């Protein structure tokens, strides 16, 4: 293993650890609340952190299969965030 591979491995491991801590904090906000808007933001943050976890895992393993999965999750997460926000503002999703 070359020095650059060791640096990438340990940097990715550190990044995954920090992302896991951030996801734990977002989960705390999700369960604690106090308002529905806080919970929606926590869910949005958790799916973004999950995307970052997958991206770091893809870089760490060198496997490109993770990147299309990231794109699909990003699209679904964005649409669900918009739908939840619209529901909280107007009380209905489809007009």
Foldseek 3Di string as FASTA:
>chain_A
DDPVLVVLQVVLVVLLVVLVVVLVVLVCQLVVPDDPVSNLVSVLSNLVSVLVNLVSVCSNVVPPPSVVVSVVSVVVSVVVSVQVVCCVVPVHRDD
